């Protein structure tokens, strides 16, 4: 897995976000070494679309989301949002651009100011950007709080720690909507919540997306969650994209061996279901010294000398379906089956 290339990029006028050759590297103290968190990935998102980004912990998906917001600015690459190149903006211009591109963080409680009342937290962006009169601001804040299922009166009297985790995430969602953004980056927004609350928040996001005409980048490690909310999914491993496909295609016909392993690992609520022994061993290699060729080759059951020497490029194997693999499970000259 782990490949580069731009065969999957679309040239439609309705592409709201286009990322090319994105690189994020972080120095390791004074050793001269670098953590290669994201290594030259490219992708795009159409207006009104939900792009799911999945992969193991440490694959670079959250770093990618933060890089889109210039938090921090990428080491190199292009991030084009609504026709504007974000990497070349001044700090003030980038600050203004973030009003159109908001973010929901993984830990809802720590992302809210513990000293302020909840209604003031949601209202703060309107005060900073001087949008509307005081009455108009409060009216909008209360309407959004009701929309996400929070009582405005309680929000006016209570602080974040007086709400549950699910309620705090609803408050975070209201705050992200108050400036009328066109795109929201959701960085594992339900991973810290109970399963029943996860479903409620996911349904809420779907409803808000339709009502407000939002575009979503939904980052998660739970493939079952991503399948239900995403129109298109990209799978990441060790800073690279290995597969991009429509949601249904990815789950019914995974082309990459790593994607197949992830899907086979999804728990099935049936005690009688057959358990597949997936053929993958070990931990991901260190991002400080990633392997040559395909970055998945040390753990891949189909790896050969070519995989260890030559990095695969993303190529089309189906309608809207692209994979970076020399021996894909579908669309290859001689597909190699995953050992069980």
Protein backbone atom coordinates (compact mmCIF):
# COMPACT_ATOMS: atom_id res chain seq x y z
CA UNK A 1 0.00 0.00 0.00
CA UNK A 2 1.00 3.42 0.51
CA UNK A 3 1.25 5.12 -2.78
CA UNK A 4 1.20 8.46 -4.48
CA UNK A 5 -0.36 9.73 -7.67
CA UNK A 6 -3.26 11.91 -8.76
CA UNK A 7 -5.29 9.61 -10.99
CA UNK A 8 -8.18 9.82 -8.53
CA UNK A 9 -8.45 13.62 -8.55
CA UNK A 10 -11.51 15.13 -10.22
CA UNK A 11 -11.65 18.31 -12.31
CA UNK A 12 -15.30 19.21 -11.73
CA UNK A 13 -16.28 22.78 -10.95
CA UNK A 14 -18.02 21.60 -7.79
CA UNK A 15 -14.77 20.52 -6.08
CA UNK A 16 -14.62 22.62 -2.92
CA UNK A 17 -11.30 21.26 -1.59
CA UNK A 18 -8.31 20.05 -3.58
CA UNK A 19 -5.14 18.87 -1.85
CA UNK A 20 -2.01 18.00 -3.81
CA UNK A 21 1.29 16.51 -2.61
CA UNK A 22 0.58 17.32 1.05
CA UNK A 23 3.59 16.69 3.30
CA UNK A 24 3.69 17.01 7.09
CA UNK A 25 6.97 16.34 8.87
CA UNK A 26 7.98 16.98 12.47
CA UNK A 27 11.55 17.13 13.82
CA UNK A 28 12.59 14.61 16.48
CA UNK A 29 14.32 16.83 19.03
CA UNK A 30 17.85 17.73 17.95
CA UNK A 31 18.59 14.37 16.34
CA UNK A 32 18.16 15.57 12.76
CA UNK A 33 15.50 12.92 12.24
CA UNK A 34 11.93 13.62 11.15
CA UNK A 35 8.56 12.01 11.73
CA UNK A 36 7.04 11.52 8.28
CA UNK A 37 3.42 11.95 9.42
CA UNK A 38 1.96 12.64 5.96
CA UNK A 39 3.98 11.94 2.83
CA UNK A 40 2.79 13.52 -0.39
CA UNK A 41 -0.92 12.67 -0.46
CA UNK A 42 -3.47 14.16 -2.85
CA UNK A 43 -7.27 14.15 -2.66
CA UNK A 44 -10.33 16.27 -3.31
CA UNK A 45 -13.83 16.79 -1.94
CA UNK A 46 -16.89 17.88 -3.88
CA UNK A 47 -19.33 20.41 -2.48
CA UNK A 48 -21.99 18.63 -0.44
CA UNK A 49 -19.96 15.42 -0.26
CA UNK A 50 -18.79 13.56 2.85
CA UNK A 51 -15.26 12.20 2.56
CA UNK A 52 -14.39 9.53 5.11
CA UNK A 53 -10.73 9.18 6.12
CA UNK A 54 -9.88 5.91 7.89
CA UNK A 55 -6.84 3.97 9.04
CA UNK A 56 -4.99 2.70 12.07
CA UNK A 57 -3.87 5.03 14.83
CA UNK A 58 -0.78 6.87 13.66
CA UNK A 59 -1.59 6.69 9.95
CA UNK A 60 -1.72 10.49 9.62
CA UNK A 61 -5.46 11.05 9.26
CA UNK A 62 -5.83 13.55 12.13
CA UNK A 63 -2.63 15.31 11.08
CA UNK A 64 -4.13 15.64 7.59
CA UNK A 65 -7.27 17.24 9.02
CA UNK A 66 -5.29 19.75 11.04
CA UNK A 67 -3.04 20.51 8.07
CA UNK A 68 -6.11 21.54 6.08
CA UNK A 69 -6.72 24.19 8.75
CA UNK A 70 -3.03 25.19 8.72
CA UNK A 71 -2.70 23.90 12.32
CA UNK A 72 0.22 23.84 11.75
CA UNK A 73 1.05 24.87 8.19
CA UNK A 74 2.11 21.90 6.00
CA UNK A 75 5.78 21.26 5.32
CA UNK A 76 4.95 21.40 1.60
CA UNK A 77 2.10 20.86 -0.80
CA UNK A 78 -1.04 22.65 -1.95
CA UNK A 79 -4.37 23.08 -0.16
CA UNK A 80 -6.92 24.78 -2.39
CA UNK A 81 -10.21 25.66 -0.67
CA UNK A 82 -13.02 27.41 -2.56
CA UNK A 83 -10.49 28.57 -5.15
CA UNK A 84 -8.03 29.99 -2.61
CA UNK A 85 -4.57 28.56 -1.96
CA UNK A 86 -4.46 28.38 1.83
CA UNK A 87 -0.73 27.69 2.17
CA UNK A 88 0.15 31.12 0.74
CA UNK A 89 -2.23 33.16 2.91
CA UNK A 90 -1.03 35.56 5.59
CA UNK A 91 -1.98 34.71 9.20
CA UNK A 92 -4.80 37.28 9.17
CA UNK A 93 -6.18 36.05 5.84
CA UNK A 94 -5.97 32.43 7.02
CA UNK A 95 -7.81 33.36 10.20
CA UNK A 96 -10.60 34.81 8.06
CA UNK A 97 -10.63 31.73 5.80
CA UNK A 98 -11.25 29.51 8.83
CA UNK A 99 -14.69 31.07 9.23
CA UNK A 100 -15.64 29.05 6.13
CA UNK A 101 -13.81 25.90 7.22
CA UNK A 102 -14.55 24.81 10.78
CA UNK A 103 -13.39 21.83 12.84
CA UNK A 104 -14.97 19.51 15.42
CA UNK A 105 -12.39 17.93 17.72
CA UNK A 106 -12.18 14.44 19.16
CA UNK A 107 -12.48 15.36 22.86
CA UNK A 108 -15.60 17.53 23.16
CA UNK A 109 -15.08 18.54 26.79
CA UNK A 110 -11.48 19.74 26.51
CA UNK A 111 -12.34 21.72 23.35
CA UNK A 112 -14.76 23.92 25.34
CA UNK A 113 -13.67 26.75 27.64
CA UNK A 114 -14.28 25.51 31.21
CA UNK A 115 -14.63 29.04 32.60
CA UNK A 116 -17.43 30.26 30.37
CA UNK A 117 -21.15 29.58 30.09
CA UNK A 118 -22.07 27.37 27.18
CA UNK A 119 -24.17 29.98 25.39
CA UNK A 120 -21.24 32.42 25.58
CA UNK A 121 -18.93 29.76 24.09
CA UNK A 122 -21.19 29.31 21.07
CA UNK A 123 -21.70 33.07 20.72
CA UNK A 124 -18.01 33.97 20.92
CA UNK A 125 -17.24 33.62 17.16
CA UNK A 126 -20.03 36.07 16.37
CA UNK A 127 -18.57 38.57 18.84
CA UNK A 128 -15.06 38.18 17.45
CA UNK A 129 -16.19 38.74 13.87
CA UNK A 130 -18.80 41.37 14.84
CA UNK A 131 -21.67 39.67 13.07
CA UNK A 132 -25.12 41.03 13.88
CA UNK A 133 -26.48 42.93 16.83
CA UNK A 134 -26.50 41.46 20.33
CA UNK A 135 -30.15 40.44 19.94
CA UNK A 136 -29.50 38.83 16.55
CA UNK A 137 -26.50 36.95 17.93
CA UNK A 138 -28.42 35.53 20.87
CA UNK A 139 -31.32 34.58 18.64
CA UNK A 140 -29.01 32.68 16.29
CA UNK A 141 -27.14 30.97 19.12
CA UNK A 142 -30.35 29.83 20.81
CA UNK A 143 -31.72 28.54 17.50
CA UNK A 144 -28.57 26.51 16.87
CA UNK A 145 -28.53 25.11 20.40
CA UNK A 146 -32.12 23.95 19.98
CA UNK A 147 -31.22 22.50 16.59
CA UNK A 148 -28.53 20.28 18.11
CA UNK A 149 -30.70 19.27 21.06
CA UNK A 150 -29.43 21.57 23.85
CA UNK A 151 -31.78 23.67 25.99
CA UNK A 152 -30.76 27.34 25.44
CA UNK A 153 -31.87 28.34 28.94
CA UNK A 154 -29.69 25.70 30.54
CA UNK A 155 -26.83 26.67 28.22
CA UNK A 156 -27.11 30.28 29.43
CA UNK A 157 -26.67 29.18 33.05
CA UNK A 158 -24.29 26.21 32.86
CA UNK A 159 -20.65 25.48 32.03
CA UNK A 160 -19.38 22.63 29.86
CA UNK A 161 -18.51 20.29 32.76
CA UNK A 162 -22.19 20.26 33.72
CA UNK A 163 -23.08 18.48 30.47
CA UNK A 164 -22.38 14.90 29.37
CA UNK A 165 -19.81 14.04 26.71
CA UNK A 166 -22.48 13.63 24.04
CA UNK A 167 -24.04 16.96 24.97
CA UNK A 168 -20.65 18.67 24.86
CA UNK A 169 -20.10 17.32 21.35
CA UNK A 170 -23.49 18.75 20.35
CA UNK A 171 -22.37 22.10 21.77
CA UNK A 172 -19.14 21.86 19.75
CA UNK A 173 -21.19 21.19 16.63
CA UNK A 174 -23.36 24.26 17.32
CA UNK A 175 -20.23 26.38 17.76
CA UNK A 176 -18.83 25.12 14.45
CA UNK A 177 -22.04 26.15 12.65
CA UNK A 178 -22.48 29.62 14.09
CA UNK A 179 -20.36 31.35 11.39
CA UNK A 180 -22.18 29.52 8.55
CA UNK A 181 -19.18 27.54 7.22
CA UNK A 182 -19.29 25.63 3.94
CA UNK A 183 -17.10 22.75 5.17
CA UNK A 184 -16.53 21.07 8.54
CA UNK A 185 -13.63 18.77 9.37
CA UNK A 186 -14.75 16.17 11.92
CA UNK A 187 -11.73 14.72 13.71
CA UNK A 188 -13.03 11.47 15.24
CA UNK A 189 -16.07 13.28 16.65
CA UNK A 190 -17.75 10.18 18.10
CA UNK A 191 -14.82 8.01 19.23
CA UNK A 192 -15.06 9.28 22.84
CA UNK A 193 -18.82 8.66 23.07
CA UNK A 194 -20.98 5.67 24.01
CA UNK A 195 -22.25 3.61 21.08
CA UNK A 196 -25.87 4.76 21.51
CA UNK A 197 -24.77 8.39 21.67
CA UNK A 198 -22.55 7.87 18.62
CA UNK A 199 -25.60 6.99 16.55
CA UNK A 200 -27.44 10.10 17.75
CA UNK A 201 -24.52 12.40 16.90
CA UNK A 202 -24.03 10.79 13.48
CA UNK A 203 -27.73 11.22 12.66
CA UNK A 204 -27.49 14.83 13.83
CA UNK A 205 -24.53 15.48 11.53
CA UNK A 206 -26.42 13.99 8.59
CA UNK A 207 -29.45 16.18 9.29
CA UNK A 208 -27.34 19.32 9.70
CA UNK A 209 -25.41 18.55 6.52
CA UNK A 210 -28.64 18.43 4.55
CA UNK A 211 -30.17 21.50 6.21
CA UNK A 212 -27.11 23.76 6.01
CA UNK A 213 -25.63 22.45 2.74
CA UNK A 214 -22.41 21.33 4.41
CA UNK A 215 -19.41 19.48 3.07
CA UNK A 216 -17.79 17.10 5.58
CA UNK A 217 -14.37 15.53 5.99
CA UNK A 218 -15.05 12.77 8.50
CA UNK A 219 -11.96 11.28 10.17
CA UNK A 220 -12.33 8.03 12.12
CA UNK A 221 -10.76 4.66 12.77
CA UNK A 222 -14.11 2.86 13.01
CA UNK A 223 -14.94 1.62 9.50
CA UNK A 224 -18.51 0.74 10.45
CA UNK A 225 -19.13 4.36 11.47
CA UNK A 226 -17.48 5.78 8.35
CA UNK A 227 -19.51 3.54 6.03
CA UNK A 228 -22.80 4.92 7.31
CA UNK A 229 -21.95 8.59 6.89
CA UNK A 230 -19.51 8.80 3.96
CA UNK A 231 -20.09 9.16 0.22
CA UNK A 232 -16.44 8.46 -0.56
CA UNK A 233 -13.72 6.89 1.59
CA UNK A 234 -9.95 7.10 1.50
CA UNK A 235 -7.87 4.59 3.45
CA UNK A 236 -4.54 5.74 4.90
CA UNK A 237 -1.54 3.85 6.22
CA UNK A 238 1.69 5.33 7.54
CA UNK A 239 1.20 8.73 5.93
CA UNK A 240 0.04 7.48 2.54
CA UNK A 241 -3.25 6.84 0.75
CA UNK A 242 -3.70 3.23 -0.27
CA UNK A 243 -7.26 3.18 -1.58
CA UNK A 244 -10.03 5.61 -2.55
CA UNK A 245 -13.54 4.45 -3.44
CA UNK A 246 -17.25 5.10 -3.05
CA UNK A 247 -18.45 3.82 0.31
CA UNK A 248 -20.38 0.80 -0.96
CA UNK A 249 -17.65 -0.26 -3.40
CA UNK A 250 -14.98 -0.15 -0.72
CA UNK A 251 -16.90 -2.46 1.59
CA UNK A 252 -18.17 -4.93 -1.02
CA UNK A 253 -15.01 -5.11 -3.14
CA UNK A 254 -11.90 -3.86 -1.32
CA UNK A 255 -8.96 -3.78 -3.68
CA UNK A 256 -6.12 -3.30 -1.22
CA UNK A 257 -4.94 -6.00 1.17
CA UNK A 258 -4.82 -3.56 4.07
CA UNK A 259 -8.40 -2.40 3.40
CA UNK A 260 -9.49 -6.05 3.31
CA UNK A 261 -7.88 -6.64 6.69
CA UNK A 262 -9.60 -3.58 8.17
CA UNK A 263 -13.00 -4.67 6.90
CA UNK A 264 -12.52 -8.24 8.13
CA UNK A 265 -11.69 -6.80 11.55
CA UNK A 266 -15.10 -5.11 11.96
CA UNK A 267 -16.94 -6.91 14.79
CA UNK A 268 -20.12 -8.72 13.76
CA UNK A 269 -22.89 -8.95 16.41
CA UNK A 270 -23.50 -12.66 15.76
CA UNK A 271 -22.01 -15.38 18.02
CA UNK A 272 -22.36 -17.97 15.24
CA UNK A 273 -20.56 -16.02 12.51
CA UNK A 274 -17.35 -17.54 11.15
CA UNK A 275 -14.22 -15.81 12.39
CA UNK A 276 -11.64 -15.01 9.72
CA UNK A 277 -8.00 -15.25 10.69
CA UNK A 278 -6.55 -12.28 8.86
CA UNK A 279 -3.03 -12.65 7.51
CA UNK A 280 -1.39 -9.59 8.98
CA UNK A 281 1.15 -9.49 11.75
CA UNK A 282 3.15 -6.94 13.69
CA UNK A 283 2.84 -3.21 14.22
CA UNK A 284 3.17 -0.45 11.62
CA UNK A 285 6.81 0.53 10.98
CA UNK A 286 8.17 3.69 12.55
CA UNK A 287 7.16 6.89 10.71
CA UNK A 288 10.67 8.15 11.45
CA UNK A 289 12.13 5.51 9.13
CA UNK A 290 9.35 4.23 6.85
CA UNK A 291 10.16 1.23 4.62
CA UNK A 292 11.05 1.70 0.97
CA UNK A 293 8.65 0.79 -1.80
CA UNK A 294 5.15 0.08 -0.55
CA UNK A 295 4.97 1.08 3.11
CA UNK A 296 2.69 -1.86 3.85
CA UNK A 297 5.10 -4.45 2.45
CA UNK A 298 6.53 -5.65 5.84
CA UNK A 299 3.03 -6.75 6.89
CA UNK A 300 1.43 -7.65 3.55
CA UNK A 301 0.75 -11.32 2.70
CA UNK A 302 1.21 -10.61 -1.02
CA UNK A 303 4.46 -8.60 -0.85
CA UNK A 304 7.30 -9.46 -3.20
CA UNK A 305 10.58 -7.85 -4.26
CA UNK A 306 8.78 -5.32 -6.45
CA UNK A 307 6.70 -4.18 -3.45
CA UNK A 308 9.87 -3.68 -1.42
CA UNK A 309 11.58 -1.62 -4.10
CA UNK A 310 8.94 0.26 -6.10
CA UNK A 311 6.28 2.51 -4.58
CA UNK A 312 2.84 1.77 -6.10
CA UNK A 313 0.85 4.55 -7.73
CA UNK A 314 -2.89 5.04 -7.34
CA UNK A 315 -4.65 3.55 -10.37
CA UNK A 316 -8.23 2.94 -11.36
CA UNK A 317 -9.74 -0.51 -10.78
CA UNK A 318 -13.44 0.38 -10.95
CA UNK A 319 -15.91 3.25 -11.20
CA UNK A 320 -14.45 5.91 -8.89
CA UNK A 321 -12.33 3.17 -7.29
CA UNK A 322 -8.55 3.65 -7.09
CA UNK A 323 -5.88 1.58 -5.35
CA UNK A 324 -2.12 1.88 -4.78
CA UNK A 325 -1.02 -1.76 -4.91
CA UNK A 326 1.11 -3.87 -7.28
CA UNK A 327 -1.08 -6.93 -6.56
CA UNK A 328 -4.62 -5.64 -5.92
CA UNK A 329 -7.43 -7.98 -4.96
CA UNK A 330 -9.50 -6.65 -7.87
CA UNK A 331 -8.45 -4.99 -11.12
CA UNK A 332 -4.99 -6.56 -11.27
CA UNK A 333 -3.52 -8.81 -13.92
CA UNK A 334 -3.08 -11.60 -11.38
CA UNK A 335 -4.85 -10.73 -8.13
CA UNK A 336 -3.38 -12.35 -5.04
CA UNK A 337 -5.84 -13.62 -2.44
CA UNK A 338 -5.32 -12.68 1.19
CA UNK A 339 -4.20 -15.75 3.12
CA UNK A 340 -6.53 -16.92 5.85
